[in-house]
Amino acid sequence: MKISWSPLAMERLDQIFEYVSRDNVPDAQKLVERIFDKVETLHENPLRGRIVPEANREEIREVYEGEYRIIYRVEIKRISILSIKNFKQLLKEEDTK
């Protein structure tokens, strides 16, 4: 299965890096690497993430890395990474499109 990243997900990843790197650049780099590694594991079993409660749609799922939710959509031949959010942030409708 191909994995694609939405512009919103990439923007959020950049924001996470910027925020964490204010205190510690190596930690920010490690966090981004862990997020990419977590996404890569979806090849093995894309349905392993839980259904996003706010969306309540079978194809919209999430996995976690640290305090971040990686929100993705399972499609026939692709996994689309839609957004990445801190648990403390409210999920907006744009995060599941």
PDB file of N, CA and C in Angstrom:
ATOM      1  N   MET A   1       0.831  -1.188   0.000  1.00  0.00           N
ATOM      2  CA  MET A   1       0.000   0.000   0.000  1.00  0.00           C
ATOM      3  C   MET A   1       0.871   1.244   0.000  1.00  0.00           C
ATOM      4  N   LYS A   2       0.497   2.186  -0.800  1.00  0.00           N
ATOM      5  CA  LYS A   2       1.217   3.450  -0.862  1.00  0.00           C
ATOM      6  C   LYS A   2       0.762   4.349   0.297  1.00  0.00           C
ATOM      7  N   ILE A   3       1.692   5.088   0.857  1.00  0.00           N
ATOM      8  CA  ILE A   3       1.365   6.053   1.902  1.00  0.00           C
ATOM      9  C   ILE A   3       1.593   7.448   1.342  1.00  0.00           C
ATOM     10  N   SER A   4       0.574   8.295   1.466  1.00  0.00           N
ATOM     11  CA  SER A   4       0.717   9.684   1.022  1.00  0.00           C
ATOM     12  C   SER A   4       0.408  10.616   2.188  1.00  0.00           C
ATOM     13  N   TRP A   5       1.055  11.749   2.177  1.00  0.00           N
ATOM     14  CA  TRP A   5       0.898  12.757   3.228  1.00  0.00           C
ATOM     15  C   TRP A   5       0.164  13.957   2.649  1.00  0.00           C
ATOM     16  N   SER A   6      -0.882  14.389   3.318  1.00  0.00           N
ATOM     17  CA  SER A   6      -1.602  15.586   2.881  1.00  0.00           C
ATOM     18  C   SER A   6      -0.756  16.817   3.199  1.00  0.00           C
ATOM     19  N   PRO A   7      -0.988  17.909   2.484  1.00  0.00           N
ATOM     20  CA  PRO A   7      -0.284  19.158   2.821  1.00  0.00           C
ATOM     21  C   PRO A   7      -0.531  19.571   4.276  1.00  0.00           C
ATOM     22  N   LEU A   8      -1.741  19.357   4.782  1.00  0.00           N
ATOM     23  CA  LEU A   8      -2.047  19.710   6.168  1.00  0.00           C
ATOM     24  C   LEU A   8      -1.199  18.887   7.133  1.00  0.00           C
ATOM     25  N   ALA A   9      -1.058  17.585   6.883  1.00  0.00           N
ATOM     26  CA  ALA A   9      -0.247  16.736   7.759  1.00  0.00           C
ATOM     27  C   ALA A   9       1.210  17.181   7.751  1.00  0.00           C
ATOM     28  N   MET A  10       1.733  17.515   6.591  1.00  0.00           N
ATOM     29  CA  MET A  10       3.119  17.979   6.514  1.00  0.00           C
ATOM     30  C   MET A  10       3.295  19.321   7.235  1.00  0.00           C
ATOM     31  N   GLU A  11       2.304  20.181   7.092  1.00  0.00           N
ATOM     32  CA  GLU A  11       2.346  21.474   7.789  1.00  0.00           C
ATOM     33  C   GLU A  11       2.339  21.259   9.306  1.00  0.00           C
ATOM     34  N   ARG A  12       1.490  20.359   9.771  1.00  0.00           N
ATOM     35  CA  ARG A  12       1.425  20.073  11.209  1.00  0.00           C
ATOM     36  C   ARG A  12       2.734  19.465  11.708  1.00  0.00           C
ATOM     37  N   LEU A  13       3.338  18.602  10.907  1.00  0.00           N
ATOM     38  CA  LEU A  13       4.611  18.010  11.297  1.00  0.00           C
ATOM     39  C   LEU A  13       5.687  19.094  11.414  1.00  0.00           C
ATOM     40  N   ASP A  14       5.699  20.026  10.489  1.00  0.00           N
ATOM     41  CA  ASP A  14       6.633  21.158  10.560  1.00  0.00           C
ATOM     42  C   ASP A  14       6.391  21.986  11.825  1.00  0.00           C
ATOM     43  N   GLN A  15       5.131  22.223  12.144  1.00  0.00           N
ATOM     44  CA  GLN A  15       4.794  22.998  13.343  1.00  0.00           C
ATOM     45  C   GLN A  15       5.250  22.283  14.613  1.00  0.00           C
ATOM     46  N   ILE A  16       5.064  20.979  14.653  1.00  0.00           N
ATOM     47  CA  ILE A  16       5.499  20.190  15.804  1.00  0.00           C
ATOM     48  C   ILE A  16       7.016  20.292  15.946  1.00  0.00           C
ATOM     49  N   PHE A  17       7.722  20.139  14.832  1.00  0.00           N
ATOM     50  CA  PHE A  17       9.179  20.245  14.873  1.00  0.00           C
ATOM     51  C   PHE A  17       9.604  21.624  15.379  1.00  0.00           C
ATOM     52  N   GLU A  18       9.008  22.663  14.832  1.00  0.00           N
ATOM     53  CA  GLU A  18       9.352  24.033  15.245  1.00  0.00           C
ATOM     54  C   GLU A  18       9.126  24.232  16.737  1.00  0.00           C
ATOM     55  N   TYR A  19       8.006  23.749  17.233  1.00  0.00           N
ATOM     56  CA  TYR A  19       7.664  23.935  18.643  1.00  0.00           C
ATOM     57  C   TYR A  19       8.646  23.193  19.552  1.00  0.00           C
ATOM     58  N   VAL A  20       8.883  21.934  19.271  1.00  0.00           N
ATOM     59  CA  VAL A  20       9.763  21.130  20.123  1.00  0.00           C
ATOM     60  C   VAL A  20      11.210  21.600  20.009  1.00  0.00           C
ATOM     61  N   SER A  21      11.626  22.034  18.821  1.00  0.00           N
ATOM     62  CA  SER A  21      13.017  22.438  18.621  1.00  0.00           C
ATOM     63  C   SER A  21      13.368  23.736  19.342  1.00  0.00           C
ATOM     64  N   ARG A  22      12.375  24.481  19.794  1.00  0.00           N
ATOM     65  CA  ARG A  22      12.668  25.679  20.587  1.00  0.00           C
ATOM     66  C   ARG A  22      13.459  25.324  21.840  1.00  0.00           C
ATOM     67  N   ASP A  23      13.154  24.144  22.389  1.00  0.00           N
ATOM     68  CA  ASP A  23      13.834  23.693  23.603  1.00  0.00           C
ATOM     69  C   ASP A  23      14.972  22.723  23.311  1.00  0.00           C
ATOM     70  N   ASN A  24      14.789  21.890  22.260  1.00  0.00           N
ATOM     71  CA  ASN A  24      15.765  20.839  22.043  1.00  0.00           C
ATOM     72  C   ASN A  24      15.667  20.311  20.614  1.00  0.00           C
ATOM     73  N   VAL A  25      16.595  20.715  19.765  1.00  0.00           N
ATOM     74  CA  VAL A  25      16.560  20.314  18.356  1.00  0.00           C
ATOM     75  C   VAL A  25      16.721  18.799  18.195  1.00  0.00           C
ATOM     76  N   PRO A  26      17.669  18.156  18.888  1.00  0.00           N
ATOM     77  CA  PRO A  26      17.775  16.695  18.723  1.00  0.00           C
ATOM     78  C   PRO A  26      16.497  15.954  19.116  1.00  0.00           C
ATOM     79  N   ASP A  27      15.825  16.405  20.181  1.00  0.00           N
ATOM     80  CA  ASP A  27      14.559  15.773  20.558  1.00  0.00           C
ATOM     81  C   ASP A  27      13.497  15.972  19.489  1.00  0.00           C
ATOM     82  N   ALA A  28      13.474  17.141  18.884  1.00  0.00           N
ATOM     83  CA  ALA A  28      12.508  17.412  17.813  1.00  0.00           C
ATOM     84  C   ALA A  28      12.774  16.503  16.621  1.00  0.00           C
ATOM     85  N   GLN A  29      14.039  16.323  16.272  1.00  0.00           N
ATOM     86  CA  GLN A  29      14.385  15.434  15.158  1.00  0.00           C
ATOM     87  C   GLN A  29      13.982  13.990  15.459  1.00  0.00           C
ATOM     88  N   LYS A  30      14.242  13.547  16.689  1.00  0.00           N
ATOM     89  CA  LYS A  30      13.876  12.181  17.079  1.00  0.00           C
ATOM     90  C   LYS A  30      12.366  11.979  17.043  1.00  0.00           C
ATOM     91  N   LEU A  31      11.614  12.983  17.488  1.00  0.00           N
ATOM     92  CA  LEU A  31      10.157  12.882  17.474  1.00  0.00           C
ATOM     93  C   LEU A  31       9.634  12.748  16.049  1.00  0.00           C
ATOM     94  N   VAL A  32      10.142  13.576  15.154  1.00  0.00           N
ATOM     95  CA  VAL A  32       9.707  13.503  13.753  1.00  0.00           C
ATOM     96  C   VAL A  32      10.058  12.132  13.167  1.00  0.00           C
ATOM     97  N   GLU A  33      11.241  11.620  13.477  1.00  0.00           N
ATOM     98  CA  GLU A  33      11.627  10.288  12.999  1.00  0.00           C
ATOM     99  C   GLU A  33      10.683   9.217  13.536  1.00  0.00           C
ATOM    100  N   ARG A  34      10.327   9.314  14.815  1.00  0.00           N
ATOM    101  CA  ARG A  34       9.406   8.326  15.403  1.00  0.00           C
ATOM    102  C   ARG A  34       8.032   8.396  14.735  1.00  0.00           C
ATOM    103  N   ILE A  35       7.582   9.607  14.409  1.00  0.00           N
ATOM    104  CA  ILE A  35       6.293   9.755  13.719  1.00  0.00           C
ATOM    105  C   ILE A  35       6.359   9.089  12.343  1.00  0.00           C
ATOM    106  N   PHE A  36       7.439   9.354  11.594  1.00  0.00           N
ATOM    107  CA  PHE A  36       7.592   8.712  10.284  1.00  0.00           C
ATOM    108  C   PHE A  36       7.666   7.189  10.436  1.00  0.00           C
ATOM    109  N   ASP A  37       8.399   6.715  11.437  1.00  0.00           N
ATOM    110  CA  ASP A  37       8.500   5.264  11.667  1.00  0.00           C
ATOM    111  C   ASP A  37       7.136   4.661  11.987  1.00  0.00           C
ATOM    112  N   LYS A  38       6.358   5.354  12.808  1.00  0.00           N
ATOM    113  CA  LYS A  38       5.023   4.859  13.176  1.00  0.00           C
ATOM    114  C   LYS A  38       4.141   4.764  11.931  1.00  0.00           C
ATOM    115  N   VAL A  39       4.199   5.776  11.080  1.00  0.00           N
ATOM    116  CA  VAL A  39       3.404   5.773   9.850  1.00  0.00           C
ATOM    117  C   VAL A  39       3.808   4.600   8.961  1.00  0.00           C
ATOM    118  N   GLU A  40       5.101   4.331   8.870  1.00  0.00           N
ATOM    119  CA  GLU A  40       5.570   3.234   8.026  1.00  0.00           C
ATOM    120  C   GLU A  40       5.039   1.875   8.495  1.00  0.00           C
ATOM    121  N   THR A  41       4.753   1.733   9.773  1.00  0.00           N
ATOM    122  CA  THR A  41       4.231   0.456  10.272  1.00  0.00           C
ATOM    123  C   THR A  41       2.807   0.191   9.788  1.00  0.00           C
ATOM    124  N   LEU A  42       2.147   1.203   9.263  1.00  0.00           N
ATOM    125  CA  LEU A  42       0.773   1.015   8.777  1.00  0.00           C
ATOM    126  C   LEU A  42       0.718   0.117   7.547  1.00  0.00           C
ATOM    127  N   HIS A  43       1.848  -0.038   6.847  1.00  0.00           N
ATOM    128  CA  HIS A  43       1.890  -0.966   5.711  1.00  0.00           C
ATOM    129  C   HIS A  43       1.454  -2.360   6.133  1.00  0.00           C
ATOM    130  N   GLU A  44       1.902  -2.770   7.318  1.00  0.00           N
ATOM    131  CA  GLU A  44       1.653  -4.129   7.798  1.00  0.00           C
ATOM    132  C   GLU A  44       0.179  -4.381   8.105  1.00  0.00           C
ATOM    133  N   ASN A  45      -0.463  -3.407   8.724  1.00  0.00           N
ATOM    134  CA  ASN A  45      -1.863  -3.579   9.104  1.00  0.00           C
ATOM    135  C   ASN A  45      -2.527  -2.207   9.212  1.00  0.00           C
ATOM    136  N   PRO A  46      -3.038  -1.685   8.114  1.00  0.00           N
ATOM    137  CA  PRO A  46      -3.597  -0.329   8.129  1.00  0.00           C
ATOM    138  C   PRO A  46      -4.832  -0.167   9.011  1.00  0.00           C
ATOM    139  N   LEU A  47      -5.508  -1.251   9.334  1.00  0.00           N
ATOM    140  CA  LEU A  47      -6.714  -1.151  10.155  1.00  0.00           C
ATOM    141  C   LEU A  47      -6.434  -1.269  11.652  1.00  0.00           C
ATOM    142  N   ARG A  48      -5.171  -1.316  12.036  1.00  0.00           N
ATOM    143  CA  ARG A  48      -4.849  -1.504  13.456  1.00  0.00           C
ATOM    144  C   ARG A  48      -5.139  -0.277  14.298  1.00  0.00           C
ATOM    145  N   GLY A  49      -5.147   0.891  13.702  1.00  0.00           N
ATOM    146  CA  GLY A  49      -5.474   2.103  14.451  1.00  0.00           C
ATOM    147  C   GLY A  49      -6.949   2.129  14.815  1.00  0.00           C
ATOM    148  N   ARG A  50      -7.252   2.856  15.869  1.00  0.00           N
ATOM    149  CA  ARG A  50      -8.658   2.925  16.272  1.00  0.00           C
ATOM    150  C   ARG A  50      -9.413   3.922  15.393  1.00  0.00           C
ATOM    151  N   ILE A  51     -10.703   3.730  15.290  1.00  0.00           N
ATOM    152  CA  ILE A  51     -11.554   4.674  14.562  1.00  0.00           C
ATOM    153  C   ILE A  51     -11.544   5.989  15.330  1.00  0.00           C
ATOM    154  N   VAL A  52     -11.371   7.087  14.624  1.00  0.00           N
ATOM    155  CA  VAL A  52     -11.349   8.404  15.265  1.00  0.00           C
ATOM    156  C   VAL A  52     -12.757   8.701  15.782  1.00  0.00           C
ATOM    157  N   PRO A  53     -12.920   8.851  17.104  1.00  0.00           N
ATOM    158  CA  PRO A  53     -14.262   9.045  17.663  1.00  0.00           C
ATOM    159  C   PRO A  53     -14.996  10.264  17.093  1.00  0.00           C
ATOM    160  N   GLU A  54     -14.265  11.338  16.873  1.00  0.00           N
ATOM    161  CA  GLU A  54     -14.913  12.562  16.368  1.00  0.00           C
ATOM    162  C   GLU A  54     -15.452  12.388  14.956  1.00  0.00           C
ATOM    163  N   ALA A  55     -14.823  11.529  14.167  1.00  0.00           N
ATOM    164  CA  ALA A  55     -15.266  11.309  12.781  1.00  0.00           C
ATOM    165  C   ALA A  55     -16.290  10.180  12.705  1.00  0.00           C
ATOM    166  N   ASN A  56     -16.096   9.146  13.531  1.00  0.00           N
ATOM    167  CA  ASN A  56     -16.989   7.990  13.566  1.00  0.00           C
ATOM    168  C   ASN A  56     -17.211   7.396  12.171  1.00  0.00           C
ATOM    169  N   ARG A  57     -16.105   7.254  11.437  1.00  0.00           N
ATOM    170  CA  ARG A  57     -16.138   6.638  10.110  1.00  0.00           C
ATOM    171  C   ARG A  57     -15.089   5.532  10.078  1.00  0.00           C
ATOM    172  N   GLU A  58     -15.458   4.389   9.589  1.00  0.00           N
ATOM    173  CA  GLU A  58     -14.596   3.203   9.582  1.00  0.00           C
ATOM    174  C   GLU A  58     -13.232   3.480   8.938  1.00  0.00           C
ATOM    175  N   GLU A  59     -13.196   4.287   7.902  1.00  0.00           N
ATOM    176  CA  GLU A  59     -11.947   4.499   7.160  1.00  0.00           C
ATOM    177  C   GLU A  59     -11.029   5.557   7.777  1.00  0.00           C
ATOM    178  N   ILE A  60     -11.531   6.342   8.724  1.00  0.00           N
ATOM    179  CA  ILE A  60     -10.724   7.381   9.369  1.00  0.00           C
ATOM    180  C   ILE A  60     -10.233   6.823  10.709  1.00  0.00           C
ATOM    181  N   ARG A  61      -8.916   6.659  10.813  1.00  0.00           N
ATOM    182  CA  ARG A  61      -8.326   5.998  11.975  1.00  0.00           C
ATOM    183  C   ARG A  61      -7.174   6.812  12.525  1.00  0.00           C
ATOM    184  N   GLU A  62      -6.680   6.366  13.677  1.00  0.00           N
ATOM    185  CA  GLU A  62      -5.550   7.063  14.278  1.00  0.00           C
ATOM    186  C   GLU A  62      -4.658   6.087  15.030  1.00  0.00           C
ATOM    187  N   VAL A  63      -3.379   6.398  15.006  1.00  0.00           N
ATOM    188  CA  VAL A  63      -2.393   5.736  15.845  1.00  0.00           C
ATOM    189  C   VAL A  63      -1.699   6.837  16.629  1.00  0.00           C
ATOM    190  N   TYR A  64      -0.956   6.447  17.642  1.00  0.00           N
ATOM    191  CA  TYR A  64      -0.354   7.424  18.534  1.00  0.00           C
ATOM    192  C   TYR A  64       1.152   7.302  18.532  1.00  0.00           C
ATOM    193  N   GLU A  65       1.788   8.446  18.668  1.00  0.00           N
ATOM    194  CA  GLU A  65       3.222   8.484  18.919  1.00  0.00           C
ATOM    195  C   GLU A  65       3.440   9.533  19.989  1.00  0.00           C
ATOM    196  N   GLY A  66       3.818   9.075  21.160  1.00  0.00           N
ATOM    197  CA  GLY A  66       3.957   9.993  22.287  1.00  0.00           C
ATOM    198  C   GLY A  66       2.618  10.648  22.559  1.00  0.00           C
ATOM    199  N   GLU A  67       2.596  11.958  22.593  1.00  0.00           N
ATOM    200  CA  GLU A  67       1.356  12.687  22.871  1.00  0.00           C
ATOM    201  C   GLU A  67       0.661  13.167  21.591  1.00  0.00           C
ATOM    202  N   TYR A  68       1.005  12.556  20.462  1.00  0.00           N
ATOM    203  CA  TYR A  68       0.437  12.973  19.182  1.00  0.00           C
ATOM    204  C   TYR A  68      -0.450  11.902  18.567  1.00  0.00           C
ATOM    205  N   ARG A  69      -1.530  12.360  17.983  1.00  0.00           N
ATOM    206  CA  ARG A  69      -2.458  11.513  17.235  1.00  0.00           C
ATOM    207  C   ARG A  69      -2.108  11.654  15.757  1.00  0.00           C
ATOM    208  N   ILE A  70      -1.870  10.543  15.106  1.00  0.00           N
ATOM    209  CA  ILE A  70      -1.614  10.533  13.667  1.00  0.00           C
ATOM    210  C   ILE A  70      -2.905  10.052  13.023  1.00  0.00           C
ATOM    211  N   ILE A  71      -3.582  10.955  12.352  1.00  0.00           N
ATOM    212  CA  ILE A  71      -4.903  10.667  11.792  1.00  0.00           C
ATOM    213  C   ILE A  71      -4.737  10.325  10.314  1.00  0.00           C
ATOM    214  N   TYR A  72      -5.340   9.206   9.913  1.00  0.00           N
ATOM    215  CA  TYR A  72      -5.175   8.751   8.539  1.00  0.00           C
ATOM    216  C   TYR A  72      -6.462   8.134   8.002  1.00  0.00           C
ATOM    217  N   ARG A  73      -6.516   8.042   6.669  1.00  0.00           N
ATOM    218  CA  ARG A  73      -7.665   7.424   5.996  1.00  0.00           C
ATOM    219  C   ARG A  73      -7.163   6.193   5.235  1.00  0.00           C
ATOM    220  N   VAL A  74      -7.873   5.092   5.413  1.00  0.00           N
ATOM    221  CA  VAL A  74      -7.550   3.859   4.704  1.00  0.00           C
ATOM    222  C   VAL A  74      -8.374   3.834   3.427  1.00  0.00           C
ATOM    223  N   GLU A  75      -7.679   3.749   2.311  1.00  0.00           N
ATOM    224  CA  GLU A  75      -8.334   3.668   1.006  1.00  0.00           C
ATOM    225  C   GLU A  75      -7.980   2.315   0.385  1.00  0.00           C
ATOM    226  N   ILE A  76      -8.470   2.034  -0.799  1.00  0.00           N
ATOM    227  CA  ILE A  76      -8.265   0.724  -1.406  1.00  0.00           C
ATOM    228  C   ILE A  76      -6.785   0.416  -1.618  1.00  0.00           C
ATOM    229  N   LYS A  77      -6.037   1.327  -2.204  1.00  0.00           N
ATOM    230  CA  LYS A  77      -4.625   1.078  -2.492  1.00  0.00           C
ATOM    231  C   LYS A  77      -3.698   2.096  -1.845  1.00  0.00           C
ATOM    232  N   ARG A  78      -4.235   2.846  -0.897  1.00  0.00           N
ATOM    233  CA  ARG A  78      -3.430   3.920  -0.328  1.00  0.00           C
ATOM    234  C   ARG A  78      -3.846   4.205   1.104  1.00  0.00           C
ATOM    235  N   ILE A  79      -2.886   4.672   1.867  1.00  0.00           N
ATOM    236  CA  ILE A  79      -3.125   5.203   3.201  1.00  0.00           C
ATOM    237  C   ILE A  79      -2.790   6.680   3.113  1.00  0.00           C
ATOM    238  N   SER A  80      -3.739   7.529   3.437  1.00  0.00           N
ATOM    239  CA  SER A  80      -3.527   8.972   3.385  1.00  0.00           C
ATOM    240  C   SER A  80      -3.378   9.514   4.802  1.00  0.00           C
ATOM    241  N   ILE A  81      -2.228  10.101   5.090  1.00  0.00           N
ATOM    242  CA  ILE A  81      -2.009  10.731   6.384  1.00  0.00           C
ATOM    243  C   ILE A  81      -2.676  12.101   6.306  1.00  0.00           C
ATOM    244  N   LEU A  82      -3.690  12.306   7.124  1.00  0.00           N
ATOM    245  CA  LEU A  82      -4.512  13.510   7.041  1.00  0.00           C
ATOM    246  C   LEU A  82      -4.026  14.631   7.950  1.00  0.00           C
ATOM    247  N   SER A  83      -3.623  14.278   9.179  1.00  0.00           N
ATOM    248  CA  SER A  83      -3.257  15.311  10.140  1.00  0.00           C
ATOM    249  C   SER A  83      -2.497  14.682  11.299  1.00  0.00           C
ATOM    250  N   ILE A  84      -1.832  15.517  12.051  1.00  0.00           N
ATOM    251  CA  ILE A  84      -1.173  15.115  13.291  1.00  0.00           C
ATOM    252  C   ILE A  84      -1.546  16.161  14.322  1.00  0.00           C
ATOM    253  N   LYS A  85      -2.060  15.701  15.448  1.00  0.00           N
ATOM    254  CA  LYS A  85      -2.517  16.636  16.485  1.00  0.00           C
ATOM    255  C   LYS A  85      -2.033  16.181  17.858  1.00  0.00           C
ATOM    256  N   ASN A  86      -1.739  17.133  18.699  1.00  0.00           N
ATOM    257  CA  ASN A  86      -1.471  16.854  20.095  1.00  0.00           C
ATOM    258  C   ASN A  86      -2.793  16.459  20.744  1.00  0.00           C
ATOM    259  N   PHE A  87      -2.739  15.564  21.729  1.00  0.00           N
ATOM    260  CA  PHE A  87      -3.955  15.140  22.424  1.00  0.00           C
ATOM    261  C   PHE A  87      -4.699  16.319  23.050  1.00  0.00           C
ATOM    262  N   LYS A  88      -3.989  17.371  23.400  1.00  0.00           N
ATOM    263  CA  LYS A  88      -4.609  18.518  24.063  1.00  0.00           C
ATOM    264  C   LYS A  88      -5.373  19.414  23.091  1.00  0.00           C
ATOM    265  N   GLN A  89      -5.142  19.248  21.796  1.00  0.00           N
ATOM    266  CA  GLN A  89      -5.800  20.079  20.793  1.00  0.00           C
ATOM    267  C   GLN A  89      -7.110  19.457  20.347  1.00  0.00           C
ATOM    268  N   LEU A  90      -8.097  20.307  20.114  1.00  0.00           N
ATOM    269  CA  LEU A  90      -9.367  19.832  19.584  1.00  0.00           C
ATOM    270  C   LEU A  90      -9.187  19.434  18.126  1.00  0.00           C
ATOM    271  N   LEU A  91      -9.848  18.356  17.758  1.00  0.00           N
ATOM    272  CA  LEU A  91      -9.817  17.908  16.374  1.00  0.00           C
ATOM    273  C   LEU A  91     -10.865  18.688  15.596  1.00  0.00           C
ATOM    274  N   LYS A  92     -10.442  19.315  14.512  1.00  0.00           N
ATOM    275  CA  LYS A  92     -11.359  20.073  13.681  1.00  0.00           C
ATOM    276  C   LYS A  92     -11.762  19.235  12.482  1.00  0.00           C
ATOM    277  N   GLU A  93     -12.834  19.635  11.843  1.00  0.00           N
ATOM    278  CA  GLU A  93     -13.340  18.907  10.694  1.00  0.00           C
ATOM    279  C   GLU A  93     -12.283  18.800   9.588  1.00  0.00           C
ATOM    280  N   GLU A  94     -11.482  19.831   9.416  1.00  0.00           N
ATOM    281  CA  GLU A  94     -10.451  19.816   8.377  1.00  0.00           C
ATOM    282  C   GLU A  94      -9.406  18.713   8.607  1.00  0.00           C
ATOM    283  N   ASP A  95      -9.278  18.244   9.836  1.00  0.00           N
ATOM    284  CA  ASP A  95      -8.306  17.207  10.161  1.00  0.00           C
ATOM    285  C   ASP A  95      -8.717  15.828   9.677  1.00  0.00           C
ATOM    286  N   THR A  96      -9.945  15.657   9.281  1.00  0.00           N
ATOM    287  CA  THR A  96     -10.417  14.338   8.827  1.00  0.00           C
ATOM    288  C   THR A  96     -10.862  14.348   7.378  1.00  0.00           C
ATOM    289  N   LYS A  97     -10.468  15.345   6.634  1.00  0.00           N
ATOM    290  CA  LYS A  97     -10.841  15.410   5.202  1.00  0.00           C
ATOM    291  C   LYS A  97      -9.675  15.060   4.322  1.00  0.00           C
TER     292      LYS A  97
END
